[in-house]
PDB file of N, CA and C in Angstrom:
ATOM      1  N   MET A   1     -15.386  -7.822  25.751  1.00  0.00           N
ATOM      2  CA  MET A   1     -15.299  -6.577  24.582  1.00  0.00           C
ATOM      3  C   MET A   1     -15.815  -5.585  25.090  1.00  0.00           C
ATOM      4  N   THR A   2     -15.119  -4.350  25.485  1.00  0.00           N
ATOM      5  CA  THR A   2     -15.687  -3.033  25.996  1.00  0.00           C
ATOM      6  C   THR A   2     -16.471  -2.370  25.036  1.00  0.00           C
ATOM      7  N   GLY A   3     -17.435  -1.100  25.700  1.00  0.00           N
ATOM      8  CA  GLY A   3     -18.302  -0.206  24.663  1.00  0.00           C
ATOM      9  C   GLY A   3     -17.292   0.090  23.400  1.00  0.00           C
ATOM     10  N   ASP A   4     -16.300   0.327  23.598  1.00  0.00           N
ATOM     11  CA  ASP A   4     -15.318   1.245  22.564  1.00  0.00           C
ATOM     12  C   ASP A   4     -14.947  -0.060  21.268  1.00  0.00           C
ATOM     13  N   GLU A   5     -14.938  -1.207  21.631  1.00  0.00           N
ATOM     14  CA  GLU A   5     -14.410  -1.625  20.384  1.00  0.00           C
ATOM     15  C   GLU A   5     -15.475  -2.396  19.376  1.00  0.00           C
ATOM     16  N   VAL A   6     -15.503  -2.237  18.338  1.00  0.00           N
ATOM     17  CA  VAL A   6     -15.818  -3.166  17.230  1.00  0.00           C
ATOM     18  C   VAL A   6     -15.573  -4.376  16.917  1.00  0.00           C
ATOM     19  N   LYS A   7     -16.662  -5.004  16.937  1.00  0.00           N
ATOM     20  CA  LYS A   7     -16.314  -6.589  16.301  1.00  0.00           C
ATOM     21  C   LYS A   7     -16.540  -6.532  14.972  1.00  0.00           C
ATOM     22  N   ILE A   8     -15.241  -7.388  14.135  1.00  0.00           N
ATOM     23  CA  ILE A   8     -15.121  -7.443  13.162  1.00  0.00           C
ATOM     24  C   ILE A   8     -15.201  -8.667  12.774  1.00  0.00           C
ATOM     25  N   LYS A   9     -16.158  -9.139  11.467  1.00  0.00           N
ATOM     26  CA  LYS A   9     -16.492 -10.410  11.674  1.00  0.00           C
ATOM     27  C   LYS A   9     -15.201 -10.882  10.468  1.00  0.00           C
ATOM     28  N   ALA A  10     -14.819 -11.989  10.079  1.00  0.00           N
ATOM     29  CA  ALA A  10     -14.227 -12.737   9.120  1.00  0.00           C
ATOM     30  C   ALA A  10     -14.677 -12.579   7.863  1.00  0.00           C
ATOM     31  N   LEU A  11     -13.414 -12.653   7.168  1.00  0.00           N
ATOM     32  CA  LEU A  11     -13.944 -12.546   5.448  1.00  0.00           C
ATOM     33  C   LEU A  11     -13.467 -12.962   4.605  1.00  0.00           C
ATOM     34  N   VAL A  12     -13.733 -13.139   3.853  1.00  0.00           N
ATOM     35  CA  VAL A  12     -12.893 -13.959   2.112  1.00  0.00           C
ATOM     36  C   VAL A  12     -13.821 -13.644   1.081  1.00  0.00           C
ATOM     37  N   THR A  13     -13.033 -12.951   0.411  1.00  0.00           N
ATOM     38  CA  THR A  13     -13.109 -12.194  -0.898  1.00  0.00           C
ATOM     39  C   THR A  13     -12.196 -12.552  -1.730  1.00  0.00           C
ATOM     40  N   ASP A  14     -12.487 -11.646  -2.811  1.00  0.00           N
ATOM     41  CA  ASP A  14     -11.567 -11.709  -4.067  1.00  0.00           C
ATOM     42  C   ASP A  14     -11.362  -9.915  -4.199  1.00  0.00           C
ATOM     43  N   TRP A  15     -10.039  -9.930  -5.309  1.00  0.00           N
ATOM     44  CA  TRP A  15     -10.255  -7.949  -5.761  1.00  0.00           C
ATOM     45  C   TRP A  15     -11.225  -7.566  -6.293  1.00  0.00           C
ATOM     46  N   ASP A  16     -12.014  -8.604  -6.940  1.00  0.00           N
ATOM     47  CA  ASP A  16     -12.943  -8.125  -7.864  1.00  0.00           C
ATOM     48  C   ASP A  16     -14.191  -7.897  -7.333  1.00  0.00           C
ATOM     49  N   SER A  17     -14.218  -8.253  -5.845  1.00  0.00           N
ATOM     50  CA  SER A  17     -15.266  -7.401  -5.066  1.00  0.00           C
ATOM     51  C   SER A  17     -15.263  -6.397  -4.303  1.00  0.00           C
ATOM     52  N   ILE A  18     -13.962  -5.815  -4.425  1.00  0.00           N
ATOM     53  CA  ILE A  18     -13.482  -4.775  -3.356  1.00  0.00           C
ATOM     54  C   ILE A  18     -13.530  -3.664  -4.123  1.00  0.00           C
ATOM     55  N   PRO A  19     -14.486  -2.342  -3.601  1.00  0.00           N
ATOM     56  CA  PRO A  19     -14.668  -1.212  -4.695  1.00  0.00           C
ATOM     57  C   PRO A  19     -12.938  -0.871  -5.048  1.00  0.00           C
ATOM     58  N   VAL A  20     -12.991  -0.292  -5.981  1.00  0.00           N
ATOM     59  CA  VAL A  20     -11.646   0.886  -6.324  1.00  0.00           C
ATOM     60  C   VAL A  20     -11.735   2.134  -6.367  1.00  0.00           C
ATOM     61  N   GLU A  21     -11.098   2.549  -5.519  1.00  0.00           N
ATOM     62  CA  GLU A  21     -11.080   4.179  -5.423  1.00  0.00           C
ATOM     63  C   GLU A  21      -9.833   4.632  -6.706  1.00  0.00           C
ATOM     64  N   HIS A  22     -10.265   5.941  -6.996  1.00  0.00           N
ATOM     65  CA  HIS A  22      -9.368   6.286  -7.884  1.00  0.00           C
ATOM     66  C   HIS A  22      -9.079   7.503  -7.323  1.00  0.00           C
ATOM     67  N   VAL A  23      -7.583   7.220  -6.586  1.00  0.00           N
ATOM     68  CA  VAL A  23      -7.029   8.354  -5.327  1.00  0.00           C
ATOM     69  C   VAL A  23      -6.731   9.593  -6.568  1.00  0.00           C
ATOM     70  N   SER A  24      -5.768   9.461  -7.265  1.00  0.00           N
ATOM     71  CA  SER A  24      -5.171  10.652  -8.091  1.00  0.00           C
ATOM     72  C   SER A  24      -5.106  10.096  -9.457  1.00  0.00           C
ATOM     73  N   GLU A  25      -4.483  11.394 -10.330  1.00  0.00           N
ATOM     74  CA  GLU A  25      -4.699  10.384 -11.646  1.00  0.00           C
ATOM     75  C   GLU A  25      -3.286   9.426 -11.594  1.00  0.00           C
ATOM     76  N   GLY A  26      -3.768   8.393 -12.043  1.00  0.00           N
ATOM     77  CA  GLY A  26      -2.802   7.367 -12.357  1.00  0.00           C
ATOM     78  C   GLY A  26      -2.657   6.360 -11.312  1.00  0.00           C
ATOM     79  N   ILE A  27      -3.537   6.268 -10.040  1.00  0.00           N
ATOM     80  CA  ILE A  27      -3.584   5.854  -8.945  1.00  0.00           C
ATOM     81  C   ILE A  27      -4.963   5.423  -8.304  1.00  0.00           C
ATOM     82  N   LYS A  28      -4.853   3.839  -8.602  1.00  0.00           N
ATOM     83  CA  LYS A  28      -6.001   3.203  -8.253  1.00  0.00           C
ATOM     84  C   LYS A  28      -6.052   2.479  -6.759  1.00  0.00           C
ATOM     85  N   ARG A  29      -6.683   2.148  -5.741  1.00  0.00           N
ATOM     86  CA  ARG A  29      -6.279   1.971  -4.349  1.00  0.00           C
ATOM     87  C   ARG A  29      -7.694   0.670  -4.030  1.00  0.00           C
ATOM     88  N   GLN A  30      -7.570  -0.361  -3.270  1.00  0.00           N
ATOM     89  CA  GLN A  30      -8.448  -1.410  -2.980  1.00  0.00           C
ATOM     90  C   GLN A  30      -8.049  -1.464  -1.251  1.00  0.00           C
ATOM     91  N   MET A  31      -9.138  -1.731  -0.584  1.00  0.00           N
ATOM     92  CA  MET A  31      -8.539  -1.786   0.890  1.00  0.00           C
ATOM     93  C   MET A  31      -9.542  -2.674   1.590  1.00  0.00           C
ATOM     94  N   VAL A  32      -8.697  -3.555   2.443  1.00  0.00           N
ATOM     95  CA  VAL A  32      -9.488  -4.426   3.196  1.00  0.00           C
ATOM     96  C   VAL A  32      -8.893  -3.991   4.566  1.00  0.00           C
ATOM     97  N   VAL A  33      -9.916  -3.950   5.580  1.00  0.00           N
ATOM     98  CA  VAL A  33      -9.832  -3.180   6.851  1.00  0.00           C
ATOM     99  C   VAL A  33     -10.254  -4.183   7.985  1.00  0.00           C
ATOM    100  N   GLY A  34      -8.916  -4.370   8.851  1.00  0.00           N
ATOM    101  CA  GLY A  34      -9.092  -5.483  10.139  1.00  0.00           C
ATOM    102  C   GLY A  34      -9.423  -4.294  11.155  1.00  0.00           C
ATOM    103  N   GLN A  35      -9.214  -4.864  12.186  1.00  0.00           N
ATOM    104  CA  GLN A  35      -9.342  -4.131  13.435  1.00  0.00           C
ATOM    105  C   GLN A  35      -7.563  -3.657  13.902  1.00  0.00           C
ATOM    106  N   ASN A  36      -6.471  -4.116  13.601  1.00  0.00           N
ATOM    107  CA  ASN A  36      -4.998  -3.691  13.858  1.00  0.00           C
ATOM    108  C   ASN A  36      -4.327  -3.383  12.468  1.00  0.00           C
ATOM    109  N   VAL A  37      -4.679  -4.265  11.223  1.00  0.00           N
ATOM    110  CA  VAL A  37      -3.912  -3.963  10.244  1.00  0.00           C
ATOM    111  C   VAL A  37      -4.903  -4.171   9.038  1.00  0.00           C
ATOM    112  N   MET A  38      -4.466  -3.493   8.162  1.00  0.00           N
ATOM    113  CA  MET A  38      -4.855  -3.334   6.876  1.00  0.00           C
ATOM    114  C   MET A  38      -4.083  -3.745   5.710  1.00  0.00           C
ATOM    115  N   MET A  39      -4.777  -4.137   4.533  1.00  0.00           N
ATOM    116  CA  MET A  39      -4.267  -4.622   3.334  1.00  0.00           C
ATOM    117  C   MET A  39      -4.718  -3.818   2.368  1.00  0.00           C
ATOM    118  N   VAL A  40      -3.897  -3.091   1.286  1.00  0.00           N
ATOM    119  CA  VAL A  40      -4.345  -2.444   0.230  1.00  0.00           C
ATOM    120  C   VAL A  40      -3.557  -3.109  -0.825  1.00  0.00           C
ATOM    121  N   ARG A  41      -4.101  -2.699  -2.030  1.00  0.00           N
ATOM    122  CA  ARG A  41      -4.030  -3.292  -3.267  1.00  0.00           C
ATOM    123  C   ARG A  41      -4.109  -1.576  -4.235  1.00  0.00           C
ATOM    124  N   PHE A  42      -2.471  -1.131  -4.911  1.00  0.00           N
ATOM    125  CA  PHE A  42      -2.493  -0.078  -5.270  1.00  0.00           C
ATOM    126  C   PHE A  42      -2.283  -0.748  -6.868  1.00  0.00           C
ATOM    127  N   THR A  43      -2.582   0.307  -7.565  1.00  0.00           N
ATOM    128  CA  THR A  43      -2.404  -0.114  -8.984  1.00  0.00           C
ATOM    129  C   THR A  43      -1.656   1.132  -9.973  1.00  0.00           C
ATOM    130  N   PHE A  44      -0.410   1.314 -10.286  1.00  0.00           N
ATOM    131  CA  PHE A  44      -0.191   2.295 -10.620  1.00  0.00           C
ATOM    132  C   PHE A  44       0.418   2.508 -12.104  1.00  0.00           C
ATOM    133  N   ASP A  45      -0.306   3.820 -12.723  1.00  0.00           N
ATOM    134  CA  ASP A  45       0.492   4.002 -13.981  1.00  0.00           C
ATOM    135  C   ASP A  45       1.688   3.656 -14.127  1.00  0.00           C
ATOM    136  N   PRO A  46       2.270   3.419 -15.495  1.00  0.00           N
ATOM    137  CA  PRO A  46       4.019   3.838 -15.710  1.00  0.00           C
ATOM    138  C   PRO A  46       4.249   4.894 -15.482  1.00  0.00           C
ATOM    139  N   PHE A  47       5.764   4.815 -14.918  1.00  0.00           N
ATOM    140  CA  PHE A  47       6.169   6.248 -14.798  1.00  0.00           C
ATOM    141  C   PHE A  47       5.612   7.369 -13.838  1.00  0.00           C
ATOM    142  N   LEU A  48       4.412   6.712 -13.122  1.00  0.00           N
ATOM    143  CA  LEU A  48       4.274   7.224 -12.287  1.00  0.00           C
ATOM    144  C   LEU A  48       5.367   7.546 -10.600  1.00  0.00           C
ATOM    145  N   VAL A  49       5.191   8.823  -9.817  1.00  0.00           N
ATOM    146  CA  VAL A  49       6.090   9.232  -8.837  1.00  0.00           C
ATOM    147  C   VAL A  49       5.051   9.289  -7.925  1.00  0.00           C
ATOM    148  N   THR A  50       5.506   8.603  -6.614  1.00  0.00           N
ATOM    149  CA  THR A  50       4.952   9.048  -5.463  1.00  0.00           C
ATOM    150  C   THR A  50       6.371   9.465  -4.405  1.00  0.00           C
ATOM    151  N   PRO A  51       6.268  10.765  -4.299  1.00  0.00           N
ATOM    152  CA  PRO A  51       7.205  11.345  -3.548  1.00  0.00           C
ATOM    153  C   PRO A  51       7.481  10.699  -1.968  1.00  0.00           C
ATOM    154  N   GLU A  52       8.914  10.896  -1.791  1.00  0.00           N
ATOM    155  CA  GLU A  52       9.518  10.287  -0.583  1.00  0.00           C
ATOM    156  C   GLU A  52       8.820  11.034   0.726  1.00  0.00           C
ATOM    157  N   HIS A  53       8.463   9.958   1.766  1.00  0.00           N
ATOM    158  CA  HIS A  53       7.560  10.411   2.859  1.00  0.00           C
ATOM    159  C   HIS A  53       8.033   9.531   3.657  1.00  0.00           C
ATOM    160  N   THR A  54       7.066   9.876   4.945  1.00  0.00           N
ATOM    161  CA  THR A  54       7.376   8.800   6.084  1.00  0.00           C
ATOM    162  C   THR A  54       5.846   9.077   6.743  1.00  0.00           C
ATOM    163  N   HIS A  55       5.592   8.003   7.422  1.00  0.00           N
ATOM    164  CA  HIS A  55       4.659   7.931   8.230  1.00  0.00           C
ATOM    165  C   HIS A  55       4.551   6.990   9.540  1.00  0.00           C
ATOM    166  N   PRO A  56       4.099   6.882  10.746  1.00  0.00           N
ATOM    167  CA  PRO A  56       4.008   6.338  11.592  1.00  0.00           C
ATOM    168  C   PRO A  56       3.882   4.794  11.769  1.00  0.00           C
ATOM    169  N   HIS A  57       3.321   4.059  10.675  1.00  0.00           N
ATOM    170  CA  HIS A  57       2.423   3.129  10.121  1.00  0.00           C
ATOM    171  C   HIS A  57       3.753   1.989  10.049  1.00  0.00           C
ATOM    172  N   GLU A  58       3.896   0.789  10.474  1.00  0.00           N
ATOM    173  CA  GLU A  58       4.846  -0.458   9.824  1.00  0.00           C
ATOM    174  C   GLU A  58       4.316  -0.587   8.350  1.00  0.00           C
ATOM    175  N   GLN A  59       4.994  -0.571   7.639  1.00  0.00           N
ATOM    176  CA  GLN A  59       4.364  -1.038   6.425  1.00  0.00           C
ATOM    177  C   GLN A  59       5.293  -2.468   5.669  1.00  0.00           C
ATOM    178  N   MET A  60       4.569  -3.238   5.272  1.00  0.00           N
ATOM    179  CA  MET A  60       5.337  -3.832   4.392  1.00  0.00           C
ATOM    180  C   MET A  60       4.707  -4.362   2.672  1.00  0.00           C
ATOM    181  N   SER A  61       5.387  -4.149   1.772  1.00  0.00           N
ATOM    182  CA  SER A  61       4.568  -4.413   0.890  1.00  0.00           C
ATOM    183  C   SER A  61       5.281  -5.731  -0.328  1.00  0.00           C
ATOM    184  N   LEU A  62       4.442  -5.964  -1.173  1.00  0.00           N
ATOM    185  CA  LEU A  62       4.470  -6.890  -1.788  1.00  0.00           C
ATOM    186  C   LEU A  62       4.467  -6.487  -3.225  1.00  0.00           C
ATOM    187  N   VAL A  63       5.757  -6.890  -4.292  1.00  0.00           N
ATOM    188  CA  VAL A  63       5.422  -6.012  -5.894  1.00  0.00           C
ATOM    189  C   VAL A  63       4.523  -7.423  -6.017  1.00  0.00           C
ATOM    190  N   VAL A  64       3.403  -7.466  -7.036  1.00  0.00           N
ATOM    191  CA  VAL A  64       2.604  -8.181  -7.829  1.00  0.00           C
ATOM    192  C   VAL A  64       3.428  -8.001  -9.066  1.00  0.00           C
ATOM    193  N   LYS A  65       3.111  -6.952  -9.567  1.00  0.00           N
ATOM    194  CA  LYS A  65       3.197  -6.630 -10.800  1.00  0.00           C
ATOM    195  C   LYS A  65       4.382  -5.931 -11.308  1.00  0.00           C
ATOM    196  N   GLY A  66       5.079  -5.752 -12.294  1.00  0.00           N
ATOM    197  CA  GLY A  66       5.930  -4.605 -12.758  1.00  0.00           C
ATOM    198  C   GLY A  66       7.361  -4.202 -11.564  1.00  0.00           C
ATOM    199  N   ARG A  67       8.023  -3.234 -12.129  1.00  0.00           N
ATOM    200  CA  ARG A  67       9.268  -2.683 -11.602  1.00  0.00           C
ATOM    201  C   ARG A  67       8.672  -1.469 -11.273  1.00  0.00           C
ATOM    202  N   VAL A  68       9.694  -1.230 -10.034  1.00  0.00           N
ATOM    203  CA  VAL A  68       9.802  -0.252  -9.453  1.00  0.00           C
ATOM    204  C   VAL A  68      10.673   0.471  -8.890  1.00  0.00           C
ATOM    205  N   LYS A  69      11.332   1.736  -8.817  1.00  0.00           N
ATOM    206  CA  LYS A  69      12.516   1.993  -8.488  1.00  0.00           C
ATOM    207  C   LYS A  69      12.021   2.959  -6.946  1.00  0.00           C
ATOM    208  N   PHE A  70      12.443   2.255  -6.199  1.00  0.00           N
ATOM    209  CA  PHE A  70      12.100   2.420  -4.787  1.00  0.00           C
ATOM    210  C   PHE A  70      13.532   3.616  -3.880  1.00  0.00           C
ATOM    211  N   PHE A  71      13.111   4.437  -3.162  1.00  0.00           N
ATOM    212  CA  PHE A  71      14.022   5.321  -2.667  1.00  0.00           C
ATOM    213  C   PHE A  71      13.818   4.905  -1.174  1.00  0.00           C
ATOM    214  N   ILE A  72      14.689   4.379  -0.369  1.00  0.00           N
ATOM    215  CA  ILE A  72      14.759   3.890   0.639  1.00  0.00           C
ATOM    216  C   ILE A  72      15.891   4.841   1.463  1.00  0.00           C
ATOM    217  N   GLU A  73      15.288   5.846   2.853  1.00  0.00           N
ATOM    218  CA  GLU A  73      16.336   6.448   3.437  1.00  0.00           C
ATOM    219  C   GLU A  73      17.311   6.808   2.535  1.00  0.00           C
ATOM    220  N   GLY A  74      17.172   7.310   1.293  1.00  0.00           N
ATOM    221  CA  GLY A  74      18.276   8.081   0.414  1.00  0.00           C
ATOM    222  C   GLY A  74      19.061   6.579  -0.365  1.00  0.00           C
ATOM    223  N   GLU A  75      18.278   5.769  -0.199  1.00  0.00           N
ATOM    224  CA  GLU A  75      19.189   4.647  -0.979  1.00  0.00           C
ATOM    225  C   GLU A  75      18.266   4.023  -2.269  1.00  0.00           C
ATOM    226  N   GLU A  76      18.717   3.921  -3.288  1.00  0.00           N
ATOM    227  CA  GLU A  76      18.001   3.563  -4.604  1.00  0.00           C
ATOM    228  C   GLU A  76      17.952   1.905  -5.038  1.00  0.00           C
ATOM    229  N   ARG A  77      16.918   1.480  -4.685  1.00  0.00           N
ATOM    230  CA  ARG A  77      16.589   0.297  -5.265  1.00  0.00           C
ATOM    231  C   ARG A  77      15.700  -0.386  -6.291  1.00  0.00           C
ATOM    232  N   ILE A  78      15.838  -0.967  -7.333  1.00  0.00           N
ATOM    233  CA  ILE A  78      14.851  -1.760  -8.358  1.00  0.00           C
ATOM    234  C   ILE A  78      14.335  -2.786  -7.814  1.00  0.00           C
ATOM    235  N   VAL A  79      13.256  -3.168  -7.874  1.00  0.00           N
ATOM    236  CA  VAL A  79      12.223  -4.173  -7.386  1.00  0.00           C
ATOM    237  C   VAL A  79      11.414  -4.522  -8.372  1.00  0.00           C
ATOM    238  N   SER A  80      11.349  -6.026  -8.432  1.00  0.00           N
ATOM    239  CA  SER A  80      10.312  -6.368  -9.616  1.00  0.00           C
ATOM    240  C   SER A  80       9.374  -7.486  -8.720  1.00  0.00           C
ATOM    241  N   ALA A  81       8.491  -8.112  -9.588  1.00  0.00           N
ATOM    242  CA  ALA A  81       7.235  -8.996  -9.235  1.00  0.00           C
ATOM    243  C   ALA A  81       7.927 -10.179  -8.375  1.00  0.00           C
ATOM    244  N   GLY A  82       7.212 -10.232  -7.077  1.00  0.00           N
ATOM    245  CA  GLY A  82       7.675 -11.156  -5.833  1.00  0.00           C
ATOM    246  C   GLY A  82       8.654 -10.698  -5.029  1.00  0.00           C
ATOM    247  N   ASP A  83       9.373  -9.381  -5.014  1.00  0.00           N
ATOM    248  CA  ASP A  83      10.196  -9.010  -4.353  1.00  0.00           C
ATOM    249  C   ASP A  83       8.618  -8.241  -2.905  1.00  0.00           C
ATOM    250  N   VAL A  84       9.453  -8.430  -1.694  1.00  0.00           N
ATOM    251  CA  VAL A  84       8.962  -7.854  -0.783  1.00  0.00           C
ATOM    252  C   VAL A  84       9.639  -6.689  -0.094  1.00  0.00           C
ATOM    253  N   LEU A  85       8.882  -5.510   0.394  1.00  0.00           N
ATOM    254  CA  LEU A  85      10.044  -4.979   0.989  1.00  0.00           C
ATOM    255  C   LEU A  85       9.264  -4.509   2.654  1.00  0.00           C
ATOM    256  N   HIS A  86      10.004  -3.977   3.496  1.00  0.00           N
ATOM    257  CA  HIS A  86       9.501  -3.876   4.589  1.00  0.00           C
ATOM    258  C   HIS A  86       9.935  -2.097   5.114  1.00  0.00           C
ATOM    259  N   PHE A  87       9.231  -1.285   5.784  1.00  0.00           N
ATOM    260  CA  PHE A  87       9.391  -0.339   5.910  1.00  0.00           C
ATOM    261  C   PHE A  87       8.747   0.313   7.607  1.00  0.00           C
ATOM    262  N   PRO A  88       9.934   0.218   8.904  1.00  0.00           N
ATOM    263  CA  PRO A  88       9.720   0.393   9.886  1.00  0.00           C
ATOM    264  C   PRO A  88       9.050   1.627   9.952  1.00  0.00           C
ATOM    265  N   PRO A  89       8.092   1.899  11.182  1.00  0.00           N
ATOM    266  CA  PRO A  89       7.710   3.019  11.275  1.00  0.00           C
ATOM    267  C   PRO A  89       8.643   4.196  11.180  1.00  0.00           C
ATOM    268  N   HIS A  90       8.345   5.523  10.391  1.00  0.00           N
ATOM    269  CA  HIS A  90       8.987   6.554  10.334  1.00  0.00           C
ATOM    270  C   HIS A  90       9.996   6.573   9.350  1.00  0.00           C
ATOM    271  N   ASN A  91      10.295   5.480   8.361  1.00  0.00           N
ATOM    272  CA  ASN A  91      11.181   5.235   7.307  1.00  0.00           C
ATOM    273  C   ASN A  91      11.225   6.231   6.207  1.00  0.00           C
ATOM    274  N   ARG A  92      12.028   6.918   5.384  1.00  0.00           N
ATOM    275  CA  ARG A  92      11.645   8.000   4.434  1.00  0.00           C
ATOM    276  C   ARG A  92      11.919   6.980   3.587  1.00  0.00           C
ATOM    277  N   HIS A  93      10.334   7.122   2.524  1.00  0.00           N
ATOM    278  CA  HIS A  93      10.855   6.015   1.263  1.00  0.00           C
ATOM    279  C   HIS A  93       9.663   6.715   0.187  1.00  0.00           C
ATOM    280  N   GLY A  94       9.848   6.414  -0.868  1.00  0.00           N
ATOM    281  CA  GLY A  94       9.351   6.963  -2.146  1.00  0.00           C
ATOM    282  C   GLY A  94       9.132   5.972  -3.402  1.00  0.00           C
ATOM    283  N   ALA A  95       8.619   6.105  -4.528  1.00  0.00           N
ATOM    284  CA  ALA A  95       9.079   5.237  -5.324  1.00  0.00           C
ATOM    285  C   ALA A  95       8.705   5.707  -6.963  1.00  0.00           C
ATOM    286  N   THR A  96       9.061   5.520  -7.604  1.00  0.00           N
ATOM    287  CA  THR A  96       8.924   5.942  -9.513  1.00  0.00           C
ATOM    288  C   THR A  96       8.585   4.379  -9.829  1.00  0.00           C
ATOM    289  N   MET A  97       7.520   4.355 -10.642  1.00  0.00           N
ATOM    290  CA  MET A  97       7.305   3.252 -11.507  1.00  0.00           C
ATOM    291  C   MET A  97       7.683   2.838 -12.880  1.00  0.00           C
ATOM    292  N   LEU A  98       8.318   2.322 -13.044  1.00  0.00           N
ATOM    293  CA  LEU A  98       9.329   2.093 -14.396  1.00  0.00           C
ATOM    294  C   LEU A  98       8.195   2.158 -15.478  1.00  0.00           C
ATOM    295  N   ASP A  99       8.146   1.320 -16.322  1.00  0.00           N
ATOM    296  CA  ASP A  99       7.952   1.213 -18.219  1.00  0.00           C
ATOM    297  C   ASP A  99       6.895   0.557 -17.958  1.00  0.00           C
ATOM    298  N   GLU A 100       6.292   0.023 -17.211  1.00  0.00           N
ATOM    299  CA  GLU A 100       4.611  -0.752 -17.367  1.00  0.00           C
ATOM    300  C   GLU A 100       4.218  -0.794 -15.926  1.00  0.00           C
ATOM    301  N   GLU A 101       2.505  -1.053 -16.143  1.00  0.00           N
ATOM    302  CA  GLU A 101       1.982  -0.981 -14.866  1.00  0.00           C
ATOM    303  C   GLU A 101       2.555  -1.517 -13.696  1.00  0.00           C
ATOM    304  N   VAL A 102       2.147  -0.928 -12.435  1.00  0.00           N
ATOM    305  CA  VAL A 102       2.701  -1.476 -11.380  1.00  0.00           C
ATOM    306  C   VAL A 102       1.457  -1.964 -10.451  1.00  0.00           C
ATOM    307  N   VAL A 103       1.749  -3.147  -9.692  1.00  0.00           N
ATOM    308  CA  VAL A 103       0.443  -3.384  -8.889  1.00  0.00           C
ATOM    309  C   VAL A 103       1.246  -3.921  -7.593  1.00  0.00           C
ATOM    310  N   LEU A 104       0.953  -3.244  -6.478  1.00  0.00           N
ATOM    311  CA  LEU A 104       1.854  -3.192  -4.967  1.00  0.00           C
ATOM    312  C   LEU A 104       0.566  -3.831  -3.955  1.00  0.00           C
ATOM    313  N   ILE A 105       1.029  -4.659  -3.107  1.00  0.00           N
ATOM    314  CA  ILE A 105       0.124  -4.995  -1.942  1.00  0.00           C
ATOM    315  C   ILE A 105       0.765  -4.333  -1.059  1.00  0.00           C
ATOM    316  N   ASP A 106       0.196  -3.462  -0.346  1.00  0.00           N
ATOM    317  CA  ASP A 106       0.920  -3.053   1.334  1.00  0.00           C
ATOM    318  C   ASP A 106       0.165  -3.405   2.255  1.00  0.00           C
ATOM    319  N   ILE A 107       0.489  -3.813   3.066  1.00  0.00           N
ATOM    320  CA  ILE A 107      -0.277  -4.264   4.750  1.00  0.00           C
ATOM    321  C   ILE A 107       0.562  -2.881   5.735  1.00  0.00           C
ATOM    322  N   PHE A 108      -0.339  -2.575   6.226  1.00  0.00           N
ATOM    323  CA  PHE A 108      -0.144  -1.513   7.291  1.00  0.00           C
ATOM    324  C   PHE A 108      -0.623  -1.922   8.553  1.00  0.00           C
ATOM    325  N   SER A 109       0.326  -1.578   9.677  1.00  0.00           N
ATOM    326  CA  SER A 109      -0.184  -1.449  11.269  1.00  0.00           C
ATOM    327  C   SER A 109       0.522  -0.247  11.952  1.00  0.00           C
ATOM    328  N   PRO A 110      -0.106   0.295  12.501  1.00  0.00           N
ATOM    329  CA  PRO A 110      -1.978   0.467  12.907  1.00  0.00           C
ATOM    330  C   PRO A 110      -2.664   0.559  11.343  1.00  0.00           C
ATOM    331  N   ILE A 111      -3.751   0.709  11.530  1.00  0.00           N
ATOM    332  CA  ILE A 111      -4.451   1.408  10.426  1.00  0.00           C
ATOM    333  C   ILE A 111      -4.317   2.431   9.623  1.00  0.00           C
ATOM    334  N   ARG A 112      -4.335   2.924   8.617  1.00  0.00           N
ATOM    335  CA  ARG A 112      -4.078   4.072   7.782  1.00  0.00           C
ATOM    336  C   ARG A 112      -5.303   4.870   7.796  1.00  0.00           C
ATOM    337  N   GLU A 113      -5.364   5.824   8.993  1.00  0.00           N
ATOM    338  CA  GLU A 113      -6.631   6.287   9.147  1.00  0.00           C
ATOM    339  C   GLU A 113      -7.040   7.234   8.162  1.00  0.00           C
ATOM    340  N   ASP A 114      -5.612   7.803   7.760  1.00  0.00           N
ATOM    341  CA  ASP A 114      -5.883   9.099   6.334  1.00  0.00           C
ATOM    342  C   ASP A 114      -6.401   8.401   5.383  1.00  0.00           C
ATOM    343  N   PHE A 115      -6.350   6.651   5.031  1.00  0.00           N
ATOM    344  CA  PHE A 115      -6.709   6.132   3.952  1.00  0.00           C
ATOM    345  C   PHE A 115      -8.271   6.382   3.830  1.00  0.00           C
ATOM    346  N   LEU A 116      -9.003   6.285   5.265  1.00  0.00           N
ATOM    347  CA  LEU A 116     -10.242   5.926   5.368  1.00  0.00           C
ATOM    348  C   LEU A 116     -11.305   7.107   5.022  1.00  0.00           C
ATOM    349  N   GLY A 117     -12.528   6.882   4.722  1.00  0.00           N
ATOM    350  CA  GLY A 117     -13.683   7.964   4.711  1.00  0.00           C
ATOM    351  C   GLY A 117     -13.033   9.234   3.113  1.00  0.00           C
ATOM    352  N   LYS A 118     -12.417   8.481   2.144  1.00  0.00           N
ATOM    353  CA  LYS A 118     -12.133   9.728   1.173  1.00  0.00           C
ATOM    354  C   LYS A 118     -12.902   9.043   0.114  1.00  0.00           C
TER     355      LYS A 118
END
């Protein structure tokens, strides 16, 4: 281990133990951050819209609850609980929550530094 590396310990926890951030109106976020990967649980209010965007991170998403209309590279897809999505780096995507609360688990690599310290 070099002087610049930080040793991260193993973790066993549950979502109830992880602090909830209110990112903006209708969006809650919880994060587990590792050395090279992070897991984020988002809770979205019904009908909330996340604008289309890109980022350099690879992303995998699991729909835990609710239904979502995703826009992926200009194509519309409706997904629901149990569905898994994969967004390669720089893939354009956005989402509109449908008629109920939505819970998503997002996994990012590398870590979304823009999510930290807020």
